[in-house]
Amino acid sequence: MKPPPLALTPEEQAAFLQSVDQVQQAALRGLEAQPGGWAVVAFVRHLQRGVDSVVATVRDQGVRLDCAAGCSHCCHARVEAMAPEIFQIAGELAARPPLEQAETVARLEAYLAVQTQDASPQDAPWSCRPACPFLIDQLCSIYAVRPAACRKAHSRDVAACASDAALIPQSLELAVHAEALQLGTAAAYRQRGLDAQPHELVQAVLLALRDPSALSRWQDGEPVFGVDR
């Protein structure tokens, strides 16, 4: 189950690319103003707030989005996040009580073990895939720091999600603006010399939690999470 491809006219495509460039330039100026260290990681919150704002604007315009607390169909999909989002999540988890940290790591490890043994194709129905290990009692346990990919995920018809429909009806405006924010921000991080390609969330968060040197090595320009694509 996946969103429909973005069907843009040539004029809309040109406007989209211009928007990506504008986001990149603005994000680069913002990154260059950061003193370094954790501030470079925290800067990704601008992306996340931007995506949240796009979602709110679309709702305010009267577009019906069927997503609500407790609806977790999309939480069975593969999630990818940029390195600063991964470090942000790992930092939030590291601040939790030791027992909670241990339980989280155990869930992440169990999820990866199932993924390794599961021969199901990536395009299998979502209901056939294991749920995200951050999903607890049908709610996201890292909601405040969830990546942009999760923030922009939406459906205009939850029945389509529940029935494992091949394509999920979505808001084109939301999808286009959120994509421009993601692509522009990632380009700015790369221009700053930092890895910003998407990485599989669970494995990357585990690495960030286990390797105390990962953050400093990323800040030195090393692609610590490897090459996903």
Protein backbone atom coordinates (compact mmCIF):
# COMPACT_ATOMS: atom_id res chain seq x y z
CA MET A 1 0.00 0.00 0.00
CA LYS A 2 1.51 3.32 -1.01
CA PRO A 3 0.55 6.88 -1.88
CA PRO A 4 -0.11 7.65 -5.53
CA PRO A 5 2.81 9.12 -7.48
CA LEU A 6 2.95 12.90 -7.70
CA ALA A 7 1.29 13.85 -10.99
CA LEU A 8 2.51 17.37 -11.75
CA THR A 9 2.15 19.45 -14.86
CA PRO A 10 5.37 20.91 -16.31
CA GLU A 11 4.51 24.24 -14.69
CA GLU A 12 3.86 22.59 -11.32
CA GLN A 13 7.11 20.64 -11.62
CA ALA A 14 9.03 23.86 -12.27
CA ALA A 15 7.37 25.50 -9.25
CA PHE A 16 8.19 22.44 -7.15
CA LEU A 17 11.88 22.56 -8.07
CA GLN A 18 11.97 26.28 -7.33
CA SER A 19 10.44 25.60 -3.92
CA VAL A 20 13.07 22.93 -3.21
CA ASP A 21 15.81 25.42 -4.10
CA GLN A 22 14.30 28.11 -1.87
CA VAL A 23 14.11 25.69 1.05
CA GLN A 24 17.71 24.63 0.44
CA GLN A 25 19.02 28.18 0.44
CA ALA A 26 17.08 29.14 3.56
CA ALA A 27 18.12 25.97 5.39
CA LEU A 28 21.76 26.46 4.41
CA ARG A 29 21.73 29.97 5.84
CA GLY A 30 20.22 28.58 9.01
CA LEU A 31 22.77 25.79 9.28
CA GLU A 32 25.68 28.14 8.68
CA ALA A 33 24.44 30.27 11.58
CA GLN A 34 24.62 27.33 13.98
CA PRO A 35 27.64 27.12 16.32
CA GLY A 36 28.07 23.42 15.57
CA GLY A 37 27.66 20.49 17.92
CA TRP A 38 24.13 19.53 18.89
CA ALA A 39 22.70 22.71 17.35
CA VAL A 40 23.29 21.24 13.88
CA VAL A 41 21.21 18.20 14.84
CA ALA A 42 18.50 20.31 16.48
CA PHE A 43 18.18 22.42 13.34
CA VAL A 44 16.21 19.59 11.74
CA ARG A 45 13.29 20.63 13.95
CA HIS A 46 12.69 23.42 11.44
CA LEU A 47 11.92 20.75 8.85
CA GLN A 48 9.63 18.88 11.20
CA ARG A 49 7.76 22.01 12.26
CA GLY A 50 7.48 22.97 8.61
CA VAL A 51 5.83 19.66 7.72
CA ASP A 52 3.50 19.98 10.72
CA SER A 53 2.55 23.45 9.49
CA VAL A 54 1.78 22.14 6.01
CA VAL A 55 -0.51 19.46 7.50
CA ALA A 56 -2.28 22.06 9.65
CA THR A 57 -2.73 24.41 6.68
CA VAL A 58 -4.25 21.69 4.54
CA ARG A 59 -6.68 20.78 7.33
CA ASP A 60 -7.59 24.46 7.81
CA GLN A 61 -8.40 24.64 4.10
CA GLY A 62 -11.06 22.01 4.64
CA VAL A 63 -9.24 18.98 3.25
CA ARG A 64 -10.38 15.89 5.13
CA LEU A 65 -7.53 13.82 6.52
CA ASP A 66 -8.73 10.61 8.15
CA CYS A 67 -5.64 10.17 10.32
CA ALA A 68 -6.20 10.28 14.08
CA ALA A 69 -4.64 9.06 17.33
CA GLY A 70 -4.87 5.29 17.54
CA CYS A 71 -4.92 4.84 13.75
CA SER A 72 -1.66 3.08 12.97
CA HIS A 73 -1.99 1.47 9.54
CA CYS A 74 1.00 3.39 8.16
CA CYS A 75 3.08 2.37 11.19
CA HIS A 76 3.70 -0.94 9.40
CA ALA A 77 5.61 0.71 6.56
CA ARG A 78 9.37 1.03 6.20
CA VAL A 79 10.40 4.39 7.65
CA GLU A 80 13.46 6.31 6.54
CA ALA A 81 14.97 9.33 8.27
CA MET A 82 17.91 11.67 7.85
CA ALA A 83 20.89 11.43 10.20
CA PRO A 84 19.96 14.52 12.27
CA GLU A 85 16.50 13.08 12.84
CA ILE A 86 18.06 9.77 13.89
CA PHE A 87 20.38 11.45 16.38
CA GLN A 88 17.48 13.53 17.69
CA ILE A 89 15.50 10.36 18.40
CA ALA A 90 18.51 8.59 19.94
CA GLY A 91 19.16 11.60 22.17
CA GLU A 92 15.57 11.62 23.39
CA LEU A 93 15.69 7.89 24.12
CA ALA A 94 19.03 8.20 25.93
CA ALA A 95 17.44 10.68 28.33
CA ARG A 96 14.82 8.16 29.45
CA PRO A 97 15.17 5.94 32.54
CA PRO A 98 17.60 3.00 32.10
CA LEU A 99 14.87 0.35 32.29
CA GLU A 100 12.82 2.08 29.62
CA GLN A 101 15.93 2.41 27.45
CA ALA A 102 16.63 -1.31 27.80
CA GLU A 103 13.05 -2.20 26.89
CA THR A 104 13.21 0.04 23.83
CA VAL A 105 16.48 -1.50 22.64
CA ALA A 106 15.00 -4.97 23.11
CA ARG A 107 11.99 -4.05 20.95
CA LEU A 108 14.24 -2.60 18.23
CA GLU A 109 16.42 -5.72 18.21
CA ALA A 110 13.39 -8.01 18.06
CA TYR A 111 11.96 -6.00 15.15
CA LEU A 112 15.21 -6.23 13.18
CA ALA A 113 15.43 -9.97 13.86
CA VAL A 114 11.95 -10.46 12.39
CA GLN A 115 12.81 -8.25 9.42
CA THR A 116 15.93 -10.29 8.74
CA GLN A 117 13.98 -13.56 8.72
CA ASP A 118 10.96 -12.19 6.84
CA ALA A 119 11.09 -12.92 3.12
CA SER A 120 8.01 -10.82 2.33
CA PRO A 121 8.58 -8.26 -0.44
CA GLN A 122 8.60 -4.57 0.44
CA ASP A 123 5.40 -4.07 -1.55
CA ALA A 124 3.50 -6.63 0.53
CA PRO A 125 0.28 -5.36 2.17
CA TRP A 126 1.04 -3.25 5.23
CA SER A 127 -1.08 -5.47 7.47
CA CYS A 128 1.30 -8.35 6.69
CA ARG A 129 4.35 -6.49 8.00
CA PRO A 130 5.41 -6.10 11.65
CA ALA A 131 4.47 -2.85 13.32
CA CYS A 132 7.09 -0.20 14.04
CA PRO A 133 8.77 -1.04 17.36
CA PHE A 134 8.16 2.53 18.52
CA LEU A 135 4.42 1.87 18.34
CA ILE A 136 3.14 1.02 21.83
CA ASP A 137 -0.55 0.51 22.58
CA GLN A 138 -1.37 1.91 19.12
CA LEU A 139 0.42 5.18 19.89
CA CYS A 140 3.84 6.47 18.77
CA SER A 141 6.25 6.44 21.73
CA ILE A 142 8.55 8.97 20.02
CA TYR A 143 5.77 11.18 18.68
CA ALA A 144 7.41 14.49 19.63
CA VAL A 145 10.60 13.62 17.73
CA ARG A 146 9.17 11.41 14.99
CA PRO A 147 10.81 11.98 11.59
CA ALA A 148 9.37 14.09 8.78
CA ALA A 149 8.49 10.93 6.84
CA CYS A 150 6.01 10.01 9.57
CA ARG A 151 4.71 13.57 9.95
CA LYS A 152 3.77 13.82 6.27
CA ALA A 153 2.19 10.35 6.05
CA HIS A 154 -1.56 10.72 5.69
CA SER A 155 -4.70 9.34 4.11
CA ARG A 156 -7.93 10.92 2.98
CA ASP A 157 -9.73 7.60 3.38
CA VAL A 158 -8.88 5.33 6.30
CA ALA A 159 -11.03 2.59 4.76
CA ALA A 160 -8.48 2.34 1.96
CA CYS A 161 -5.72 1.86 4.55
CA ALA A 162 -7.72 -0.76 6.44
CA SER A 163 -8.37 -2.73 3.25
CA ASP A 164 -4.71 -2.71 2.13
CA ALA A 165 -5.61 -0.71 -0.97
CA ALA A 166 -2.83 -0.55 -3.56
CA LEU A 167 -2.95 3.26 -3.56
CA ILE A 168 -3.93 5.55 -0.71
CA PRO A 169 -5.81 8.78 -1.58
CA GLN A 170 -3.78 11.75 -0.42
CA SER A 171 -3.65 15.53 -0.60
CA LEU A 172 -1.43 16.54 -3.51
CA GLU A 173 -0.73 19.92 -1.91
CA LEU A 174 0.42 18.33 1.34
CA ALA A 175 2.58 15.75 -0.43
CA VAL A 176 4.26 18.30 -2.71
CA HIS A 177 5.02 20.89 -0.03
CA ALA A 178 6.27 18.31 2.47
CA GLU A 179 8.49 16.72 -0.20
CA ALA A 180 9.97 20.12 -1.09
CA LEU A 181 10.78 20.76 2.57
CA GLN A 182 12.47 17.37 2.93
CA LEU A 183 14.48 17.56 -0.28
CA GLY A 184 15.57 21.16 0.30
CA THR A 185 16.63 20.54 3.89
CA ALA A 186 18.54 17.39 2.97
CA ALA A 187 20.34 19.27 0.19
CA ALA A 188 21.37 21.98 2.65
CA TYR A 189 22.84 19.42 5.07
CA ARG A 190 24.75 17.82 2.21
CA GLN A 191 26.02 21.21 1.08
CA ARG A 192 27.28 21.64 4.65
CA GLY A 193 29.25 18.40 4.14
CA LEU A 194 26.98 16.18 6.24
CA ASP A 195 25.29 12.90 5.33
CA ALA A 196 21.60 13.55 4.79
CA GLN A 197 20.45 10.61 2.72
CA PRO A 198 17.52 8.57 4.07
CA HIS A 199 18.36 5.61 6.30
CA GLU A 200 16.14 2.83 7.65
CA LEU A 201 14.98 4.18 10.99
CA VAL A 202 15.24 1.26 13.40
CA GLN A 203 18.69 0.02 12.47
CA ALA A 204 20.08 3.56 12.39
CA VAL A 205 18.66 4.49 15.81
CA LEU A 206 20.15 1.33 17.30
CA LEU A 207 23.55 2.23 15.89
CA ALA A 208 23.32 5.76 17.27
CA LEU A 209 22.42 4.41 20.72
CA ARG A 210 25.20 1.84 20.76
CA ASP A 211 28.05 3.89 19.29
CA PRO A 212 28.95 6.98 21.36
CA SER A 213 31.27 8.15 18.57
CA ALA A 214 28.60 8.11 15.86
CA LEU A 215 27.47 11.71 16.36
CA SER A 216 30.95 13.24 16.31
CA ARG A 217 31.94 11.14 13.29
CA TRP A 218 28.82 12.28 11.42
CA GLN A 219 29.63 15.88 12.29
CA ASP A 220 33.07 15.30 10.78
CA GLY A 221 31.38 14.32 7.52
CA GLU A 222 31.47 10.53 7.84
CA PRO A 223 28.41 8.58 6.59
CA VAL A 224 28.16 6.57 9.81
CA PHE A 225 24.93 4.82 8.81
CA GLY A 226 26.37 3.47 5.59
CA VAL A 227 24.72 3.68 2.19
CA ASP A 228 21.09 2.57 2.09
CA ARG A 229 20.62 3.17 -1.60
